[in-house]
Amino acid sequence: MKKIIILGAGVVGVTSAYFLAEKGYQVTVLEAKSSAGQGTSRANGAQLSYSKTFPLSNPKTLKKLPFYLFSKDSPMHIHAGFDLAFYKWGLQFLAESTNKKAHNNNDKVVKLALKSKAALQHVLERSKIEFDFNQRGKMYIYTSEESYAAAAAYVDGQNAYGFDWRFMDIDEAVAKEPSLAHIKDKLVGVSYCPIDESGDAYKFTLELAKTCEKMGVKFVYDAPVTDFKREKGRVKSVLAGGQEYEADDFICCLGVYSPIVMKKLGISVPIYPMKGYSITVPATVKAPKINITDEGKRIVYSTIGGRLRVAGIAEFGGYNYEIDRKIMDRLIDDAATTMPDAGDFSKVEEWTGLRPMTPSTVPIIKKAGKYENLYLNTGQGMLGWTLACGSAQELAELVG
C-alpha cells in the first residue's frame, strides 16, 4: 500500500486526506498547529460560493486601483511596504489581468467549483458530518448603480454554466429574505443564485478529520516542517516536529506557507497572503436565512448555527495577522448598519486569516517540478472553502 504524507491540516489538507484514503492509500497528515483547521479555515466567510468565481486579476480591478489604494472605504488595502515578494507577485497579477486571461481563468475556477459542489455531496453521502450546512442559495445585493450594472454581464456569463442565477424585484427579494427590509430603500437591485451554499468550514474540517481517522488516516499535530531529505530526484522524507517521516508521495497543502516550505526544496510557489477580516456575533431570529453578499462593499453575511458570520476585506501586507482597528471597526459598523437586528453586535468575536492568493486566482494542483513524488494542492485563495473538496478530488485523480 502506497504511503502518502500530507503537509497541512486545513480544509484543503483534510479533504485531500479523505479522498486519498478513500482510494486505499496509507495517509499521514502533518500539522504545525495543535489541531486541524486552525489557519484560514478557522473563521472564514462560511459561504460555498460556486457562482462567484471571477478572478481578482481582471481589467476592472486595474481600473479601480486608484480607489483601492487611496479610499478609506475601499474593500482592498495594500500595506506591503518594501516586500519584494509582493511586487514580484504583483507583476504576475498584472500579466493575468487581461480580459482574455481573466475569462480563461474563470472557466477553470468555475469548473473546479462545480466539481467541488459534487465532491462535497459525495463526502456527505458517505459521512454524517454536522457543520451548519445551508443550501438555501445566495442573494447578491447592489446599493449602487455601478455595482448593479456590472452584475448583468457577469450573471449572463456564469449562467452559461447552468447556475440559474436571476435578478429579482426588490419587493420579492425582501419577501424572500426579510432581513433586507432595513435597507430596502437603499437597494438598487438584487440577484439570487440557488446553487450556492454555506457552512462552518472549521466544524467541517474537524469532523472530517475524525472521519479520516476512522478510515485509517494518522494525524500528527505540533509538527512544523523543518527540512526534507532528497534522493535521486525524489523526496525521501520530511523532518517535522523533531521526527523524520518517510513516504512514497508527499502533498503540500500549506496555504500561504507553501512558498516558505517549498523553498527548502528549491521550488518557487507563486502565492502571496491576502488578509481577510471576519466577525462572529450571536444571531437573532431576524438573522438572514439565505446567504447574502453586498457586491458594492464586498462583504458576505451567513448564519451558521446560532451565529452570524460577517466577512470581507482584502489586505495585502505580508504574513501579518494583526487587526487594523480602522478596518475592523468599519466592517463591524457596516454589518451593524446593514443588519442591525440580525445579531448582538455588543458580543463580537474578531478574526483575521491569510488567504493563499495566486496571481491568476486559479489554484495550484499539480506535480511539483523536479521531484517526481511531490505534489501541490494549494493557492485556493478567497475560495478555499468553496474549492476544497473539488481540489482534493482532482489531486487524488492526479496521484492515481
Protein backbone atom coordinates (compact mmCIF):
# COMPACT_ATOMS: atom_id res chain seq x y z
CA MET A 1 0.00 0.00 0.00
CA LYS A 2 1.43 3.37 -1.04
CA LYS A 3 2.31 5.70 1.85
CA ILE A 4 1.41 9.36 1.44
CA ILE A 5 2.27 12.31 3.66
CA ILE A 6 0.15 15.45 3.52
CA LEU A 7 1.58 18.69 4.85
CA GLY A 8 -1.16 20.80 6.42
CA ALA A 9 -4.46 20.01 8.16
CA GLY A 10 -6.59 22.89 6.97
CA VAL A 11 -9.74 22.21 4.98
CA VAL A 12 -7.69 21.54 1.82
CA GLY A 13 -5.30 19.15 3.57
CA VAL A 14 -8.03 17.23 5.38
CA THR A 15 -10.22 16.86 2.29
CA SER A 16 -7.13 15.67 0.40
CA ALA A 17 -6.56 13.07 3.12
CA TYR A 18 -10.17 11.91 2.78
CA PHE A 19 -10.11 11.38 -0.98
CA LEU A 20 -6.69 9.70 -0.91
CA ALA A 21 -7.70 7.41 1.96
CA GLU A 22 -10.85 6.54 0.03
CA LYS A 23 -8.60 5.21 -2.74
CA GLY A 24 -6.89 2.93 -0.26
CA TYR A 25 -3.67 4.83 0.39
CA GLN A 26 -1.98 4.91 3.80
CA VAL A 27 -2.13 8.61 4.68
CA THR A 28 -0.37 10.64 7.38
CA VAL A 29 -1.13 14.35 7.85
CA LEU A 30 1.47 16.60 9.49
CA GLU A 31 0.20 19.85 11.00
CA ALA A 32 2.19 22.61 12.71
CA LYS A 33 -0.66 23.63 14.99
CA SER A 34 -2.29 21.66 17.81
CA SER A 35 -5.39 20.60 15.84
CA ALA A 36 -6.95 20.70 12.39
CA GLY A 37 -8.50 23.78 10.80
CA GLN A 38 -6.64 26.40 12.82
CA GLY A 39 -5.49 28.56 9.91
CA THR A 40 -7.59 30.21 7.22
CA SER A 41 -10.29 27.56 7.74
CA ARG A 42 -10.94 28.80 11.29
CA ALA A 43 -13.43 31.66 10.83
CA ASN A 44 -13.78 32.46 7.14
CA GLY A 45 -16.88 33.84 5.44
CA ALA A 46 -18.57 30.40 5.56
CA GLN A 47 -20.01 30.72 2.05
CA LEU A 48 -19.67 27.98 -0.55
CA SER A 49 -19.73 30.45 -3.39
CA TYR A 50 -19.82 28.36 -6.56
CA SER A 51 -21.26 31.21 -8.60
CA LYS A 52 -18.76 33.94 -7.69
CA THR A 53 -15.54 32.69 -9.24
CA PHE A 54 -14.35 35.52 -11.48
CA PRO A 55 -10.64 36.19 -10.84
CA LEU A 56 -9.49 39.19 -8.86
CA SER A 57 -6.94 39.68 -11.64
CA ASN A 58 -9.07 41.31 -14.32
CA PRO A 59 -9.23 44.65 -16.19
CA LYS A 60 -11.87 46.11 -13.86
CA THR A 61 -9.61 45.60 -10.84
CA LEU A 62 -6.85 47.51 -12.60
CA LYS A 63 -9.21 50.39 -13.42
CA LYS A 64 -10.23 50.64 -9.76
CA LEU A 65 -6.70 50.52 -8.35
CA PRO A 66 -6.63 54.27 -7.51
CA PHE A 67 -9.82 53.81 -5.45
CA TYR A 68 -8.45 50.67 -3.80
CA LEU A 69 -5.18 52.39 -2.96
CA PHE A 70 -6.41 55.72 -1.67
CA SER A 71 -10.03 55.48 -0.49
CA LYS A 72 -10.77 54.83 3.18
CA ASP A 73 -13.92 53.00 2.06
CA SER A 74 -12.03 50.61 -0.20
CA PRO A 75 -12.60 46.85 0.23
CA MET A 76 -8.93 46.36 -0.71
CA HIS A 77 -5.85 47.68 1.10
CA ILE A 78 -2.18 47.40 0.16
CA HIS A 79 0.29 47.69 3.03
CA ALA A 80 3.16 45.72 1.52
CA GLY A 81 5.85 48.34 2.11
CA PHE A 82 9.13 47.17 0.59
CA ASP A 83 8.20 43.49 0.41
CA LEU A 84 9.81 42.38 -2.87
CA ALA A 85 7.78 39.16 -2.84
CA PHE A 86 4.61 41.23 -3.18
CA TYR A 87 5.91 43.22 -6.14
CA LYS A 88 7.10 40.06 -7.90
CA TRP A 89 3.67 38.55 -7.32
CA GLY A 90 2.06 41.82 -8.39
CA LEU A 91 3.78 41.76 -11.77
CA GLN A 92 2.42 38.26 -12.34
CA PHE A 93 -1.01 39.51 -11.24
CA LEU A 94 -0.86 42.31 -13.83
CA ALA A 95 0.06 39.80 -16.54
CA GLU A 96 -3.05 37.74 -15.66
CA SER A 97 -5.35 40.78 -15.74
CA THR A 98 -6.13 40.86 -19.45
CA ASN A 99 -9.72 40.25 -20.47
CA LYS A 100 -8.84 37.03 -22.30
CA LYS A 101 -6.85 35.57 -19.41
CA ALA A 102 -9.46 36.58 -16.85
CA HIS A 103 -12.19 34.71 -18.75
CA ASN A 104 -9.95 31.67 -19.30
CA ASN A 105 -9.07 31.60 -15.61
CA ASN A 106 -12.71 31.97 -14.63
CA ASP A 107 -13.56 28.98 -16.81
CA LYS A 108 -11.02 26.87 -14.91
CA VAL A 109 -12.20 28.01 -11.49
CA VAL A 110 -15.93 27.71 -12.14
CA LYS A 111 -15.49 24.16 -13.45
CA LEU A 112 -13.50 23.29 -10.33
CA ALA A 113 -16.19 24.94 -8.18
CA LEU A 114 -18.92 22.80 -9.73
CA LYS A 115 -16.74 19.73 -9.29
CA SER A 116 -16.29 20.75 -5.67
CA LYS A 117 -20.03 21.01 -5.08
CA ALA A 118 -20.47 17.46 -6.36
CA ALA A 119 -17.46 16.24 -4.38
CA LEU A 120 -18.84 17.74 -1.17
CA GLN A 121 -22.11 15.93 -1.79
CA HIS A 122 -20.09 12.73 -2.29
CA VAL A 123 -18.49 13.22 1.14
CA LEU A 124 -21.81 13.96 2.83
CA GLU A 125 -23.48 10.89 1.34
CA ARG A 126 -20.80 8.74 2.98
CA SER A 127 -20.13 10.63 6.22
CA LYS A 128 -22.59 12.06 8.71
CA ILE A 129 -20.91 15.43 9.28
CA GLU A 130 -22.65 18.28 11.08
CA PHE A 131 -21.33 21.71 10.09
CA ASP A 132 -24.37 24.02 9.95
CA PHE A 133 -24.90 23.30 6.26
CA ASN A 134 -27.23 25.75 4.48
CA GLN A 135 -28.46 25.01 0.95
CA ARG A 136 -30.81 27.98 0.51
CA GLY A 137 -28.71 29.74 -2.12
CA LYS A 138 -27.34 33.27 -2.05
CA MET A 139 -28.63 36.78 -2.66
CA TYR A 140 -26.37 39.46 -4.08
CA ILE A 141 -27.42 42.97 -3.10
CA TYR A 142 -26.50 46.09 -5.06
CA THR A 143 -26.61 49.51 -3.43
CA SER A 144 -25.11 51.47 -6.32
CA GLU A 145 -25.91 51.75 -10.00
CA GLU A 146 -22.28 50.88 -10.75
CA SER A 147 -22.33 47.52 -8.96
CA TYR A 148 -25.77 46.70 -10.36
CA ALA A 149 -24.77 47.47 -13.94
CA ALA A 150 -21.57 45.44 -13.64
CA ALA A 151 -23.53 42.41 -12.45
CA ALA A 152 -25.68 41.94 -15.55
CA ALA A 153 -22.94 40.77 -17.91
CA TYR A 154 -21.33 38.65 -15.22
CA VAL A 155 -24.58 36.87 -14.35
CA ASP A 156 -25.24 36.11 -18.02
CA GLY A 157 -21.74 34.68 -18.40
CA GLN A 158 -22.00 32.47 -15.33
CA ASN A 159 -25.44 31.20 -16.33
CA ALA A 160 -23.76 29.56 -19.32
CA TYR A 161 -22.54 27.03 -16.74
CA GLY A 162 -26.10 26.29 -15.59
CA PHE A 163 -26.38 28.39 -12.44
CA ASP A 164 -29.95 29.67 -12.96
CA TRP A 165 -28.83 32.98 -11.43
CA ARG A 166 -31.55 35.63 -11.83
CA PHE A 167 -32.37 39.20 -10.90
CA MET A 168 -35.27 39.80 -8.53
CA ASP A 169 -37.73 42.57 -7.89
CA ILE A 170 -36.75 44.27 -4.63
CA ASP A 171 -40.14 43.60 -3.02
CA GLU A 172 -39.82 39.93 -4.00
CA ALA A 173 -36.33 39.81 -2.51
CA VAL A 174 -37.42 41.32 0.82
CA ALA A 175 -40.35 38.91 0.98
CA LYS A 176 -37.96 36.01 0.40
CA GLU A 177 -35.33 37.35 2.83
CA PRO A 178 -36.92 39.71 5.43
CA SER A 179 -33.54 40.68 6.92
CA LEU A 180 -33.15 43.01 3.93
CA ALA A 181 -36.15 45.12 4.97
CA HIS A 182 -33.98 47.55 6.95
CA ILE A 183 -32.05 48.58 3.82
CA LYS A 184 -34.85 48.18 1.27
CA ASP A 185 -34.78 51.87 0.34
CA LYS A 186 -31.02 51.70 -0.29
CA LEU A 187 -31.22 48.76 -2.68
CA VAL A 188 -30.78 49.40 -6.39
CA GLY A 189 -31.17 45.72 -7.23
CA VAL A 190 -30.95 42.14 -6.01
CA SER A 191 -30.00 38.87 -7.68
CA TYR A 192 -30.36 35.31 -6.43
CA CYS A 193 -28.34 32.19 -7.21
CA PRO A 194 -29.92 28.97 -5.89
CA ILE A 195 -26.82 26.81 -6.32
CA ASP A 196 -24.73 28.48 -3.60
CA GLU A 197 -24.45 27.07 -0.08
CA SER A 198 -22.72 27.78 3.22
CA GLY A 199 -21.43 26.01 6.28
CA ASP A 200 -18.90 26.24 9.07
CA ALA A 201 -15.58 25.33 7.44
CA TYR A 202 -13.92 24.86 10.82
CA LYS A 203 -16.56 22.42 12.06
CA PHE A 204 -16.43 20.58 8.75
CA THR A 205 -12.65 20.27 8.91
CA LEU A 206 -12.68 18.94 12.48
CA GLU A 207 -15.47 16.46 11.77
CA LEU A 208 -13.95 15.26 8.51
CA ALA A 209 -10.62 14.76 10.30
CA LYS A 210 -12.43 12.41 12.70
CA THR A 211 -13.93 10.58 9.74
CA CYS A 212 -10.47 10.30 8.18
CA GLU A 213 -9.08 8.80 11.38
CA LYS A 214 -11.78 6.11 11.21
CA MET A 215 -10.58 5.44 7.65
CA GLY A 216 -7.05 4.89 8.94
CA VAL A 217 -5.55 8.34 8.40
CA LYS A 218 -2.98 9.35 11.01
CA PHE A 219 -2.78 12.99 12.14
CA VAL A 220 0.38 14.32 13.77
CA TYR A 221 -0.03 17.75 15.38
CA ASP A 222 2.54 20.24 16.69
CA ALA A 223 4.77 19.12 13.83
CA PRO A 224 6.06 22.10 11.82
CA VAL A 225 8.18 21.16 8.81
CA THR A 226 11.86 22.00 9.28
CA ASP A 227 13.54 20.21 6.36
CA PHE A 228 13.44 17.47 3.75
CA LYS A 229 15.76 14.67 2.69
CA ARG A 230 16.14 14.04 -1.03
CA GLU A 231 17.40 11.07 -3.02
CA LYS A 232 17.70 10.60 -6.81
CA GLY A 233 15.08 13.14 -7.87
CA ARG A 234 12.64 12.19 -5.16
CA VAL A 235 11.73 13.45 -1.72
CA LYS A 236 12.79 10.68 0.66
CA SER A 237 11.49 12.08 3.94
CA VAL A 238 10.31 15.17 5.76
CA LEU A 239 11.57 16.40 9.11
CA ALA A 240 8.75 17.79 11.24
CA GLY A 241 8.31 18.32 14.96
CA GLY A 242 11.65 16.69 15.68
CA GLN A 243 10.75 13.46 13.84
CA GLU A 244 11.54 12.07 10.40
CA TYR A 245 8.70 10.74 8.23
CA GLU A 246 9.25 8.68 5.09
CA ALA A 247 6.65 8.13 2.38
CA ASP A 248 6.19 7.25 -1.27
CA ASP A 249 4.49 10.56 -2.10
CA PHE A 250 4.31 13.96 -0.43
CA ILE A 251 1.50 16.52 -0.81
CA CYS A 252 1.88 20.20 0.10
CA CYS A 253 -1.41 21.72 1.34
CA LEU A 254 0.10 24.53 3.37
CA GLY A 255 -1.80 27.51 2.03
CA VAL A 256 0.12 30.75 2.48
CA TYR A 257 3.06 28.83 3.94
CA SER A 258 3.53 26.74 0.80
CA PRO A 259 6.14 29.13 -0.70
CA ILE A 260 8.15 29.17 2.54
CA VAL A 261 8.23 25.39 2.99
CA MET A 262 8.68 24.54 -0.69
CA LYS A 263 11.64 26.93 -0.87
CA LYS A 264 13.52 24.36 1.22
CA LEU A 265 13.27 22.10 -1.85
CA GLY A 266 14.19 24.85 -4.30
CA ILE A 267 10.63 25.15 -5.58
CA SER A 268 9.04 28.55 -6.19
CA VAL A 269 5.30 28.75 -5.49
CA PRO A 270 3.56 31.94 -6.75
CA ILE A 271 1.39 32.62 -3.70
CA TYR A 272 1.07 35.79 -1.65
CA PRO A 273 -1.06 36.17 1.51
CA MET A 274 -4.18 38.31 1.34
CA LYS A 275 -5.63 39.05 4.75
CA GLY A 276 -9.35 38.79 5.29
CA TYR A 277 -11.37 40.00 8.28
CA SER A 278 -14.40 38.42 9.89
CA ILE A 279 -16.67 38.93 12.86
CA THR A 280 -18.98 36.42 14.51
CA VAL A 281 -21.89 37.51 16.71
CA PRO A 282 -24.81 35.69 18.33
CA ALA A 283 -27.60 35.53 15.75
CA THR A 284 -31.16 36.60 16.46
CA VAL A 285 -34.38 35.26 14.95
CA LYS A 286 -34.07 38.08 12.40
CA ALA A 287 -30.72 36.85 11.07
CA PRO A 288 -30.70 36.06 7.33
CA LYS A 289 -31.80 32.56 6.34
CA ILE A 290 -30.29 32.99 2.88
CA ASN A 291 -26.61 33.79 2.37
CA ILE A 292 -26.02 37.40 1.36
CA THR A 293 -23.21 39.20 -0.44
CA ASP A 294 -23.06 43.00 -0.58
CA GLU A 295 -21.46 43.45 -4.00
CA GLY A 296 -20.52 47.08 -3.51
CA LYS A 297 -18.77 46.65 -0.18
CA ARG A 298 -17.59 43.08 -0.86
CA ILE A 299 -19.00 41.87 2.45
CA VAL A 300 -20.65 38.49 2.99
CA TYR A 301 -23.27 37.51 5.58
CA SER A 302 -24.04 33.93 6.62
CA THR A 303 -25.95 32.48 9.54
CA ILE A 304 -24.20 29.34 10.76
CA GLY A 305 -25.96 27.64 13.61
CA GLY A 306 -26.81 30.29 16.15
CA ARG A 307 -24.15 32.69 14.89
CA LEU A 308 -24.00 35.42 12.28
CA ARG A 309 -20.71 35.46 10.37
CA VAL A 310 -19.76 38.64 8.51
CA ALA A 311 -16.56 38.72 6.46
CA GLY A 312 -14.76 40.75 3.86
CA ILE A 313 -11.77 42.97 3.09
CA ALA A 314 -8.67 42.19 1.03
CA GLU A 315 -5.47 43.42 2.65
CA PHE A 316 -2.03 42.77 1.17
CA GLY A 317 0.51 43.16 3.94
CA GLY A 318 2.64 40.02 4.11
CA TYR A 319 2.45 37.44 6.87
CA ASN A 320 0.70 39.74 9.29
CA TYR A 321 -2.35 38.66 11.28
CA GLU A 322 -2.71 41.90 13.24
CA ILE A 323 -6.10 43.57 13.23
CA ASP A 324 -6.11 47.02 11.68
CA ARG A 325 -8.51 48.75 14.07
CA LYS A 326 -9.93 51.11 11.45
CA ILE A 327 -10.63 48.29 9.01
CA MET A 328 -12.23 46.05 11.63
CA ASP A 329 -14.34 48.87 13.04
CA ARG A 330 -15.60 49.68 9.54
CA LEU A 331 -16.58 46.04 9.00
CA ILE A 332 -18.46 46.00 12.30
CA ASP A 333 -20.16 49.31 11.52
CA ASP A 334 -21.16 48.18 8.02
CA ALA A 335 -22.65 44.97 9.42
CA ALA A 336 -24.49 46.70 12.26
CA THR A 337 -25.85 49.34 9.88
CA THR A 338 -26.93 46.86 7.20
CA MET A 339 -28.46 44.27 9.55
CA PRO A 340 -28.90 45.89 12.97
CA ASP A 341 -31.47 43.33 14.14
CA ALA A 342 -29.70 40.23 12.83
CA GLY A 343 -27.23 39.79 15.67
CA ASP A 344 -25.97 41.01 19.02
CA PHE A 345 -23.22 43.40 17.98
CA SER A 346 -22.21 44.00 21.59
CA LYS A 347 -20.67 40.50 21.58
CA VAL A 348 -18.26 40.49 18.66
CA GLU A 349 -15.63 37.82 18.04
CA GLU A 350 -12.97 39.28 15.75
CA TRP A 351 -10.69 37.27 13.47
CA THR A 352 -8.23 37.63 10.62
CA GLY A 353 -6.88 34.96 8.29
CA LEU A 354 -4.45 34.87 5.40
CA ARG A 355 -5.79 33.64 2.07
CA PRO A 356 -3.23 31.98 -0.26
CA MET A 357 -3.66 34.01 -3.46
CA THR A 358 -2.21 33.03 -6.82
CA PRO A 359 -1.81 35.78 -9.44
CA SER A 360 -4.48 34.12 -11.61
CA THR A 361 -6.89 33.05 -8.81
CA VAL A 362 -6.54 29.51 -10.19
CA PRO A 363 -5.36 27.01 -7.53
CA ILE A 364 -2.12 25.09 -7.98
CA ILE A 365 -2.91 21.38 -8.21
CA LYS A 366 -0.02 19.62 -9.88
CA LYS A 367 3.17 17.62 -9.55
CA ALA A 368 5.88 19.90 -8.19
CA GLY A 369 8.69 20.46 -10.63
CA LYS A 370 11.81 18.37 -10.30
CA TYR A 371 10.57 15.87 -7.70
CA GLU A 372 8.55 13.04 -9.18
CA ASN A 373 6.79 12.21 -5.90
CA LEU A 374 5.93 15.72 -4.69
CA TYR A 375 2.55 17.35 -5.36
CA LEU A 376 1.00 20.73 -4.66
CA ASN A 377 -2.62 21.37 -3.68
CA THR A 378 -2.62 24.98 -2.65
CA GLY A 379 -3.48 28.54 -3.69
CA GLN A 380 -7.27 28.33 -3.40
CA GLY A 381 -7.29 31.96 -2.25
CA MET A 382 -10.64 33.50 -1.32
CA LEU A 383 -12.38 30.30 -2.44
CA GLY A 384 -10.56 27.83 -0.21
CA TRP A 385 -13.72 26.50 1.43
CA THR A 386 -15.62 26.52 -1.86
CA LEU A 387 -12.93 24.68 -3.82
CA ALA A 388 -11.57 22.35 -1.12
CA CYS A 389 -13.45 19.15 -1.98
CA GLY A 390 -13.04 19.55 -5.73
CA SER A 391 -9.34 20.34 -5.36
CA ALA A 392 -8.88 17.27 -3.17
CA GLN A 393 -10.69 15.04 -5.63
CA GLU A 394 -8.62 16.42 -8.50
CA LEU A 395 -5.43 15.82 -6.53
CA ALA A 396 -6.43 12.21 -5.80
CA GLU A 397 -7.05 11.68 -9.52
CA LEU A 398 -3.61 13.14 -10.28
CA VAL A 399 -1.84 10.91 -7.75
CA GLY A 400 -3.58 7.94 -9.39
